[in-house]
Amino acid sequence: KEADGSGPIQDFLAATARQHAVWIIAGTMPIAAQAEE
């Protein structure tokens, strides 16, 4: 899981959208929740 706004998956998405000049809707990825587990 990644913190909201920071992490390798989110960095990949931002960079890839910018590289190819496309809008990306990124399925789902695990972001930290209120519950630690």
PDB file of all heavy atoms in Angstrom:
ATOM      1  N   LYS A   1       0.830  -1.204   0.000  1.00  0.00           N
ATOM      2  CA  LYS A   1       0.000   0.000   0.000  1.00  0.00           C
ATOM      3  C   LYS A   1       0.868   1.259   0.000  1.00  0.00           C
ATOM      4  O   LYS A   1       2.006   1.259   0.490  1.00  0.00           O
ATOM      5  CB  LYS A   1      -0.932   0.010   1.214  1.00  0.00           C
ATOM      6  CG  LYS A   1      -0.229   0.145   2.546  1.00  0.00           C
ATOM      7  CD  LYS A   1      -1.221   0.078   3.696  1.00  0.00           C
ATOM      8  CE  LYS A   1      -0.512   0.155   5.045  1.00  0.00           C
ATOM      9  NZ  LYS A   1      -1.459   0.033   6.187  1.00  0.00           N
ATOM     10  N   GLU A   2       0.328   2.316  -0.572  1.00  0.00           N
ATOM     11  CA  GLU A   2       1.034   3.589  -0.637  1.00  0.00           C
ATOM     12  C   GLU A   2       0.236   4.667   0.081  1.00  0.00           C
ATOM     13  O   GLU A   2      -1.003   4.602   0.153  1.00  0.00           O
ATOM     14  CB  GLU A   2       1.260   3.996  -2.095  1.00  0.00           C
ATOM     15  CG  GLU A   2       2.158   3.037  -2.858  1.00  0.00           C
ATOM     16  CD  GLU A   2       2.431   3.473  -4.289  1.00  0.00           C
ATOM     17  OE1 GLU A   2       1.933   4.552  -4.696  1.00  0.00           O
ATOM     18  OE2 GLU A   2       3.136   2.734  -4.993  1.00  0.00           O
ATOM     19  N   ALA A   3       0.948   5.651   0.587  1.00  0.00           N
ATOM     20  CA  ALA A   3       0.275   6.836   1.120  1.00  0.00           C
ATOM     21  C   ALA A   3      -0.375   7.585  -0.031  1.00  0.00           C
ATOM     22  O   ALA A   3       0.112   7.564  -1.171  1.00  0.00           O
ATOM     23  CB  ALA A   3       1.283   7.729   1.832  1.00  0.00           C
ATOM     24  N   ASP A   4      -1.476   8.243   0.250  1.00  0.00           N
ATOM     25  CA  ASP A   4      -2.175   8.986  -0.794  1.00  0.00           C
ATOM     26  C   ASP A   4      -1.267  10.073  -1.356  1.00  0.00           C
ATOM     27  O   ASP A   4      -0.803  10.948  -0.623  1.00  0.00           O
ATOM     28  CB  ASP A   4      -3.452   9.601  -0.214  1.00  0.00           C
ATOM     29  CG  ASP A   4      -4.316  10.235  -1.287  1.00  0.00           C
ATOM     30  OD1 ASP A   4      -4.255   9.788  -2.443  1.00  0.00           O
ATOM     31  OD2 ASP A   4      -5.055  11.188  -0.964  1.00  0.00           O
ATOM     32  N   GLY A   5      -0.998   9.987  -2.665  1.00  0.00           N
ATOM     33  CA  GLY A   5      -0.193  11.007  -3.323  1.00  0.00           C
ATOM     34  C   GLY A   5       1.279  10.704  -3.419  1.00  0.00           C
ATOM     35  O   GLY A   5       2.037  11.482  -4.023  1.00  0.00           O
ATOM     36  N   SER A   6       1.734   9.581  -2.859  1.00  0.00           N
ATOM     37  CA  SER A   6       3.163   9.306  -2.846  1.00  0.00           C
ATOM     38  C   SER A   6       3.426   7.809  -2.933  1.00  0.00           C
ATOM     39  O   SER A   6       2.818   7.023  -2.203  1.00  0.00           O
ATOM     40  CB  SER A   6       3.796   9.851  -1.563  1.00  0.00           C
ATOM     41  OG  SER A   6       5.164   9.503  -1.465  1.00  0.00           O
ATOM     42  N   GLY A   7       4.337   7.425  -3.840  1.00  0.00           N
ATOM     43  CA  GLY A   7       4.704   6.018  -3.946  1.00  0.00           C
ATOM     44  C   GLY A   7       5.047   5.638  -5.364  1.00  0.00           C
ATOM     45  O   GLY A   7       4.708   6.352  -6.323  1.00  0.00           O
ATOM     46  N   PRO A   8       5.710   4.511  -5.557  1.00  0.00           N
ATOM     47  CA  PRO A   8       6.176   4.118  -6.894  1.00  0.00           C
ATOM     48  C   PRO A   8       5.057   3.859  -7.897  1.00  0.00           C
ATOM     49  O   PRO A   8       5.218   4.148  -9.089  1.00  0.00           O
ATOM     50  CB  PRO A   8       6.996   2.854  -6.638  1.00  0.00           C
ATOM     51  CG  PRO A   8       6.598   2.380  -5.280  1.00  0.00           C
ATOM     52  CD  PRO A   8       6.225   3.599  -4.508  1.00  0.00           C
ATOM     53  N   ILE A   9       3.922   3.324  -7.452  1.00  0.00           N
ATOM     54  CA  ILE A   9       2.818   3.078  -8.393  1.00  0.00           C
ATOM     55  C   ILE A   9       2.248   4.400  -8.868  1.00  0.00           C
ATOM     56  O   ILE A   9       2.029   4.619 -10.072  1.00  0.00           O
ATOM     57  CB  ILE A   9       1.730   2.200  -7.750  1.00  0.00           C
ATOM     58  CG1 ILE A   9       2.300   0.837  -7.340  1.00  0.00           C
ATOM     59  CG2 ILE A   9       0.563   1.996  -8.724  1.00  0.00           C
ATOM     60  CD1 ILE A   9       1.339  -0.008  -6.524  1.00  0.00           C
ATOM     61  N   GLN A  10       2.015   5.318  -7.936  1.00  0.00           N
ATOM     62  CA  GLN A  10       1.478   6.626  -8.309  1.00  0.00           C
ATOM     63  C   GLN A  10       2.474   7.417  -9.151  1.00  0.00           C
ATOM     64  O   GLN A  10       2.083   8.114 -10.097  1.00  0.00           O
ATOM     65  CB  GLN A  10       1.082   7.393  -7.056  1.00  0.00           C
ATOM     66  CG  GLN A  10      -0.093   6.750  -6.323  1.00  0.00           C
ATOM     67  CD  GLN A  10      -0.316   7.322  -4.946  1.00  0.00           C
ATOM     68  OE1 GLN A  10      -1.032   8.315  -4.792  1.00  0.00           O
ATOM     69  NE2 GLN A  10       0.289   6.712  -3.932  1.00  0.00           N
ATOM     70  N   ASP A  11       3.758   7.312  -8.837  1.00  0.00           N
ATOM     71  CA  ASP A  11       4.778   7.988  -9.649  1.00  0.00           C
ATOM     72  C   ASP A  11       4.778   7.443 -11.069  1.00  0.00           C
ATOM     73  O   ASP A  11       4.910   8.200 -12.043  1.00  0.00           O
ATOM     74  CB  ASP A  11       6.161   7.799  -9.030  1.00  0.00           C
ATOM     75  CG  ASP A  11       6.339   8.544  -7.713  1.00  0.00           C
ATOM     76  OD1 ASP A  11       5.497   9.411  -7.402  1.00  0.00           O
ATOM     77  OD2 ASP A  11       7.307   8.231  -6.993  1.00  0.00           O
ATOM     78  N   PHE A  12       4.627   6.122 -11.198  1.00  0.00           N
ATOM     79  CA  PHE A  12       4.557   5.497 -12.522  1.00  0.00           C
ATOM     80  C   PHE A  12       3.382   6.041 -13.321  1.00  0.00           C
ATOM     81  O   PHE A  12       3.511   6.375 -14.507  1.00  0.00           O
ATOM     82  CB  PHE A  12       4.440   3.981 -12.371  1.00  0.00           C
ATOM     83  CG  PHE A  12       3.888   3.288 -13.588  1.00  0.00           C
ATOM     84  CD1 PHE A  12       4.695   3.003 -14.672  1.00  0.00           C
ATOM     85  CD2 PHE A  12       2.543   2.928 -13.638  1.00  0.00           C
ATOM     86  CE1 PHE A  12       4.172   2.368 -15.801  1.00  0.00           C
ATOM     87  CE2 PHE A  12       2.020   2.302 -14.760  1.00  0.00           C
ATOM     88  CZ  PHE A  12       2.836   2.019 -15.848  1.00  0.00           C
ATOM     89  N   LEU A  13       2.228   6.134 -12.704  1.00  0.00           N
ATOM     90  CA  LEU A  13       1.033   6.600 -13.407  1.00  0.00           C
ATOM     91  C   LEU A  13       1.194   8.034 -13.890  1.00  0.00           C
ATOM     92  O   LEU A  13       0.872   8.359 -15.036  1.00  0.00           O
ATOM     93  CB  LEU A  13      -0.190   6.475 -12.498  1.00  0.00           C
ATOM     94  CG  LEU A  13      -0.598   5.040 -12.140  1.00  0.00           C
ATOM     95  CD1 LEU A  13      -1.622   5.043 -11.008  1.00  0.00           C
ATOM     96  CD2 LEU A  13      -1.161   4.312 -13.361  1.00  0.00           C
ATOM     97  N   ALA A  14       1.694   8.897 -13.023  1.00  0.00           N
ATOM     98  CA  ALA A  14       1.889  10.295 -13.393  1.00  0.00           C
ATOM     99  C   ALA A  14       2.887  10.422 -14.541  1.00  0.00           C
ATOM    100  O   ALA A  14       2.655  11.144 -15.521  1.00  0.00           O
ATOM    101  CB  ALA A  14       2.346  11.095 -12.180  1.00  0.00           C
ATOM    102  N   ALA A  15       4.005   9.712 -14.426  1.00  0.00           N
ATOM    103  CA  ALA A  15       5.049   9.796 -15.450  1.00  0.00           C
ATOM    104  C   ALA A  15       4.566   9.238 -16.782  1.00  0.00           C
ATOM    105  O   ALA A  15       4.871   9.787 -17.857  1.00  0.00           O
ATOM    106  CB  ALA A  15       6.298   9.058 -14.981  1.00  0.00           C
ATOM    107  N   THR A  16       3.810   8.147 -16.745  1.00  0.00           N
ATOM    108  CA  THR A  16       3.337   7.515 -17.976  1.00  0.00           C
ATOM    109  C   THR A  16       2.299   8.377 -18.679  1.00  0.00           C
ATOM    110  O   THR A  16       2.319   8.512 -19.913  1.00  0.00           O
ATOM    111  CB  THR A  16       2.763   6.118 -17.674  1.00  0.00           C
ATOM    112  OG1 THR A  16       3.758   5.334 -17.018  1.00  0.00           O
ATOM    113  CG2 THR A  16       2.334   5.414 -18.949  1.00  0.00           C
ATOM    114  N   ALA A  17       1.401   8.972 -17.913  1.00  0.00           N
ATOM    115  CA  ALA A  17       0.419   9.879 -18.510  1.00  0.00           C
ATOM    116  C   ALA A  17       1.120  11.053 -19.185  1.00  0.00           C
ATOM    117  O   ALA A  17       0.771  11.458 -20.303  1.00  0.00           O
ATOM    118  CB  ALA A  17      -0.544  10.374 -17.435  1.00  0.00           C
ATOM    119  N   ARG A  18       2.111  11.601 -18.509  1.00  0.00           N
ATOM    120  CA  ARG A  18       2.862  12.737 -19.052  1.00  0.00           C
ATOM    121  C   ARG A  18       3.673  12.326 -20.275  1.00  0.00           C
ATOM    122  O   ARG A  18       3.696  13.036 -21.291  1.00  0.00           O
ATOM    123  CB  ARG A  18       3.763  13.294 -17.950  1.00  0.00           C
ATOM    124  CG  ARG A  18       4.489  14.573 -18.295  1.00  0.00           C
ATOM    125  CD  ARG A  18       5.060  15.215 -17.038  1.00  0.00           C
ATOM    126  NE  ARG A  18       5.894  14.289 -16.269  1.00  0.00           N
ATOM    127  CZ  ARG A  18       5.574  13.803 -15.065  1.00  0.00           C
ATOM    128  NH1 ARG A  18       4.432  14.160 -14.489  1.00  0.00           N
ATOM    129  NH2 ARG A  18       6.388  12.991 -14.427  1.00  0.00           N
ATOM    130  N   GLN A  19       4.327  11.194 -20.213  1.00  0.00           N
ATOM    131  CA  GLN A  19       5.170  10.734 -21.316  1.00  0.00           C
ATOM    132  C   GLN A  19       4.390  10.556 -22.606  1.00  0.00           C
ATOM    133  O   GLN A  19       4.852  10.945 -23.694  1.00  0.00           O
ATOM    134  CB  GLN A  19       5.846   9.412 -20.932  1.00  0.00           C
ATOM    135  CG  GLN A  19       6.679   8.791 -22.054  1.00  0.00           C
ATOM    136  CD  GLN A  19       7.224   7.419 -21.666  1.00  0.00           C
ATOM    137  OE1 GLN A  19       7.052   6.959 -20.535  1.00  0.00           O
ATOM    138  NE2 GLN A  19       7.883   6.763 -22.598  1.00  0.00           N
ATOM    139  N   HIS A  20       3.188   9.968 -22.491  1.00  0.00           N
ATOM    140  CA  HIS A  20       2.405   9.655 -23.693  1.00  0.00           C
ATOM    141  C   HIS A  20       1.298  10.676 -23.966  1.00  0.00           C
ATOM    142  O   HIS A  20       0.552  10.517 -24.938  1.00  0.00           O
ATOM    143  CB  HIS A  20       1.806   8.258 -23.559  1.00  0.00           C
ATOM    144  CG  HIS A  20       2.832   7.178 -23.470  1.00  0.00           C
ATOM    145  ND1 HIS A  20       3.658   6.842 -24.516  1.00  0.00           N
ATOM    146  CD2 HIS A  20       3.200   6.369 -22.426  1.00  0.00           C
ATOM    147  CE1 HIS A  20       4.470   5.864 -24.146  1.00  0.00           C
ATOM    148  NE2 HIS A  20       4.217   5.562 -22.886  1.00  0.00           N
ATOM    149  N   ALA A  21       1.202  11.696 -23.117  1.00  0.00           N
ATOM    150  CA  ALA A  21       0.178  12.735 -23.270  1.00  0.00           C
ATOM    151  C   ALA A  21      -1.220  12.123 -23.373  1.00  0.00           C
ATOM    152  O   ALA A  21      -2.004  12.459 -24.265  1.00  0.00           O
ATOM    153  CB  ALA A  21       0.475  13.612 -24.482  1.00  0.00           C
ATOM    154  N   VAL A  22      -1.502  11.208 -22.438  1.00  0.00           N
ATOM    155  CA  VAL A  22      -2.812  10.569 -22.387  1.00  0.00           C
ATOM    156  C   VAL A  22      -3.416  10.752 -20.997  1.00  0.00           C
ATOM    157  O   VAL A  22      -2.697  10.934 -20.010  1.00  0.00           O
ATOM    158  CB  VAL A  22      -2.731   9.063 -22.704  1.00  0.00           C
ATOM    159  CG1 VAL A  22      -2.254   8.843 -24.125  1.00  0.00           C
ATOM    160  CG2 VAL A  22      -1.835   8.324 -21.707  1.00  0.00           C
ATOM    161  N   TRP A  23      -4.731  10.693 -20.932  1.00  0.00           N
ATOM    162  CA  TRP A  23      -5.418  10.591 -19.650  1.00  0.00           C
ATOM    163  C   TRP A  23      -5.435   9.118 -19.255  1.00  0.00           C
ATOM    164  O   TRP A  23      -5.719   8.253 -20.094  1.00  0.00           O
ATOM    165  CB  TRP A  23      -6.848  11.113 -19.766  1.00  0.00           C
ATOM    166  CG  TRP A  23      -6.946  12.614 -19.734  1.00  0.00           C
ATOM    167  CD1 TRP A  23      -6.423  13.497 -20.640  1.00  0.00           C
ATOM    168  CD2 TRP A  23      -7.632  13.400 -18.746  1.00  0.00           C
ATOM    169  NE1 TRP A  23      -6.740  14.776 -20.277  1.00  0.00           N
ATOM    170  CE2 TRP A  23      -7.483  14.757 -19.123  1.00  0.00           C
ATOM    171  CE3 TRP A  23      -8.359  13.091 -17.602  1.00  0.00           C
ATOM    172  CZ2 TRP A  23      -8.032  15.801 -18.391  1.00  0.00           C
ATOM    173  CZ3 TRP A  23      -8.921  14.123 -16.867  1.00  0.00           C
ATOM    174  CH2 TRP A  23      -8.746  15.468 -17.247  1.00  0.00           C
ATOM    175  N   ILE A  24      -5.137   8.856 -17.999  1.00  0.00           N
ATOM    176  CA  ILE A  24      -5.144   7.493 -17.490  1.00  0.00           C
ATOM    177  C   ILE A  24      -6.137   7.386 -16.343  1.00  0.00           C
ATOM    178  O   ILE A  24      -6.094   8.179 -15.399  1.00  0.00           O
ATOM    179  CB  ILE A  24      -3.747   7.064 -16.986  1.00  0.00           C
ATOM    180  CG1 ILE A  24      -2.741   7.017 -18.138  1.00  0.00           C
ATOM    181  CG2 ILE A  24      -3.823   5.699 -16.302  1.00  0.00           C
ATOM    182  CD1 ILE A  24      -1.323   6.696 -17.696  1.00  0.00           C
ATOM    183  N   ILE A  25      -7.048   6.425 -16.450  1.00  0.00           N
ATOM    184  CA  ILE A  25      -7.890   6.040 -15.320  1.00  0.00           C
ATOM    185  C   ILE A  25      -7.354   4.697 -14.842  1.00  0.00           C
ATOM    186  O   ILE A  25      -7.411   3.708 -15.560  1.00  0.00           O
ATOM    187  CB  ILE A  25      -9.370   5.954 -15.710  1.00  0.00           C
ATOM    188  CG1 ILE A  25      -9.850   7.320 -16.219  1.00  0.00           C
ATOM    189  CG2 ILE A  25     -10.214   5.499 -14.517  1.00  0.00           C
ATOM    190  CD1 ILE A  25     -11.294   7.350 -16.675  1.00  0.00           C
ATOM    191  N   ALA A  26      -6.798   4.723 -13.637  1.00  0.00           N
ATOM    192  CA  ALA A  26      -5.950   3.610 -13.185  1.00  0.00           C
ATOM    193  C   ALA A  26      -6.710   2.663 -12.283  1.00  0.00           C
ATOM    194  O   ALA A  26      -6.594   2.712 -11.060  1.00  0.00           O
ATOM    195  CB  ALA A  26      -4.709   4.146 -12.480  1.00  0.00           C
ATOM    196  N   GLY A  27      -7.483   1.801 -12.905  1.00  0.00           N
ATOM    197  CA  GLY A  27      -8.161   0.667 -12.271  1.00  0.00           C
ATOM    198  C   GLY A  27      -8.283   0.794 -10.774  1.00  0.00           C
ATOM    199  O   GLY A  27      -8.947   1.688 -10.268  1.00  0.00           O
ATOM    200  N   THR A  28      -7.584  -0.027 -10.030  1.00  0.00           N
ATOM    201  CA  THR A  28      -7.444   0.188  -8.592  1.00  0.00           C
ATOM    202  C   THR A  28      -6.027  -0.146  -8.167  1.00  0.00           C
ATOM    203  O   THR A  28      -5.361  -1.001  -8.758  1.00  0.00           O
ATOM    204  CB  THR A  28      -8.398  -0.696  -7.753  1.00  0.00           C
ATOM    205  OG1 THR A  28      -8.125  -2.079  -8.006  1.00  0.00           O
ATOM    206  CG2 THR A  28      -9.843  -0.371  -8.029  1.00  0.00           C
ATOM    207  N   MET A  29      -5.607   0.553  -7.121  1.00  0.00           N
ATOM    208  CA  MET A  29      -4.334   0.282  -6.468  1.00  0.00           C
ATOM    209  C   MET A  29      -4.535   0.457  -4.966  1.00  0.00           C
ATOM    210  O   MET A  29      -5.467   1.144  -4.536  1.00  0.00           O
ATOM    211  CB  MET A  29      -3.244   1.212  -6.969  1.00  0.00           C
ATOM    212  CG  MET A  29      -3.506   2.681  -6.736  1.00  0.00           C
ATOM    213  SD  MET A  29      -1.988   3.643  -6.780  1.00  0.00           S
ATOM    214  CE  MET A  29      -1.168   3.063  -5.291  1.00  0.00           C
ATOM    215  N   PRO A  30      -3.695  -0.180  -4.130  1.00  0.00           N
ATOM    216  CA  PRO A  30      -3.893  -0.103  -2.680  1.00  0.00           C
ATOM    217  C   PRO A  30      -3.339   1.187  -2.084  1.00  0.00           C
ATOM    218  O   PRO A  30      -2.144   1.455  -2.140  1.00  0.00           O
ATOM    219  CB  PRO A  30      -3.134  -1.331  -2.156  1.00  0.00           C
ATOM    220  CG  PRO A  30      -2.098  -1.610  -3.191  1.00  0.00           C
ATOM    221  CD  PRO A  30      -2.653  -1.157  -4.501  1.00  0.00           C
ATOM    222  N   ILE A  31      -4.240   1.994  -1.532  1.00  0.00           N
ATOM    223  CA  ILE A  31      -3.897   3.235  -0.831  1.00  0.00           C
ATOM    224  C   ILE A  31      -4.187   3.033   0.657  1.00  0.00           C
ATOM    225  O   ILE A  31      -5.173   2.370   1.020  1.00  0.00           O
ATOM    226  CB  ILE A  31      -4.711   4.421  -1.375  1.00  0.00           C
ATOM    227  CG1 ILE A  31      -4.323   4.711  -2.832  1.00  0.00           C
ATOM    228  CG2 ILE A  31      -4.514   5.659  -0.517  1.00  0.00           C
ATOM    229  CD1 ILE A  31      -2.976   5.356  -3.030  1.00  0.00           C
ATOM    230  N   ALA A  32      -3.350   3.603   1.505  1.00  0.00           N
ATOM    231  CA  ALA A  32      -3.503   3.447   2.947  1.00  0.00           C
ATOM    232  C   ALA A  32      -4.909   3.832   3.399  1.00  0.00           C
ATOM    233  O   ALA A  32      -5.479   4.831   2.951  1.00  0.00           O
ATOM    234  CB  ALA A  32      -2.471   4.294   3.683  1.00  0.00           C
ATOM    235  N   ALA A  33      -5.467   3.019   4.298  1.00  0.00           N
ATOM    236  CA  ALA A  33      -6.807   3.239   4.845  1.00  0.00           C
ATOM    237  C   ALA A  33      -6.697   3.725   6.284  1.00  0.00           C
ATOM    238  O   ALA A  33      -5.609   3.789   6.867  1.00  0.00           O
ATOM    239  CB  ALA A  33      -7.600   1.932   4.787  1.00  0.00           C
ATOM    240  N   GLN A  34      -7.839   4.054   6.871  1.00  0.00           N
ATOM    241  CA  GLN A  34      -7.848   4.415   8.282  1.00  0.00           C
ATOM    242  C   GLN A  34      -7.445   3.228   9.142  1.00  0.00           C
ATOM    243  O   GLN A  34      -6.697   3.372  10.104  1.00  0.00           O
ATOM    244  CB  GLN A  34      -9.232   4.933   8.683  1.00  0.00           C
ATOM    245  CG  GLN A  34      -9.581   6.277   8.061  1.00  0.00           C
ATOM    246  CD  GLN A  34     -10.931   6.793   8.521  1.00  0.00           C
ATOM    247  OE1 GLN A  34     -11.713   6.065   9.133  1.00  0.00           O
ATOM    248  NE2 GLN A  34     -11.218   8.041   8.211  1.00  0.00           N
ATOM    249  N   ALA A  35      -7.928   2.051   8.781  1.00  0.00           N
ATOM    250  CA  ALA A  35      -7.551   0.831   9.492  1.00  0.00           C
ATOM    251  C   ALA A  35      -6.186   0.371   8.990  1.00  0.00           C
ATOM    252  O   ALA A  35      -5.982   0.183   7.790  1.00  0.00           O
ATOM    253  CB  ALA A  35      -8.596  -0.255   9.258  1.00  0.00           C
ATOM    254  N   GLU A  36      -5.247   0.174   9.913  1.00  0.00           N
ATOM    255  CA  GLU A  36      -3.870  -0.143   9.541  1.00  0.00           C
ATOM    256  C   GLU A  36      -3.769  -1.448   8.764  1.00  0.00           C
ATOM    257  O   GLU A  36      -2.913  -1.600   7.879  1.00  0.00           O
ATOM    258  CB  GLU A  36      -3.019  -0.241  10.814  1.00  0.00           C
ATOM    259  CG  GLU A  36      -1.538  -0.456  10.557  1.00  0.00           C
ATOM    260  CD  GLU A  36      -0.871   0.720   9.860  1.00  0.00           C
ATOM    261  OE1 GLU A  36      -1.387   1.858   9.985  1.00  0.00           O
ATOM    262  OE2 GLU A  36       0.140   0.505   9.174  1.00  0.00           O
ATOM    263  N   GLU A  37      -4.653  -2.411   9.055  1.00  0.00           N
ATOM    264  CA  GLU A  37      -4.565  -3.725   8.433  1.00  0.00           C
ATOM    265  C   GLU A  37      -5.358  -3.814   7.122  1.00  0.00           C
ATOM    266  O   GLU A  37      -5.494  -4.895   6.554  1.00  0.00           O
ATOM    267  CB  GLU A  37      -5.079  -4.786   9.410  1.00  0.00           C
ATOM    268  CG  GLU A  37      -6.579  -4.806   9.640  1.00  0.00           C
ATOM    269  CD  GLU A  37      -7.091  -3.733  10.616  1.00  0.00           C
ATOM    270  OE1 GLU A  37      -6.262  -2.891  11.040  1.00  0.00           O
ATOM    271  OE2 GLU A  37      -8.293  -3.742  10.947  1.00  0.00           O
TER     272      GLU A  37
END
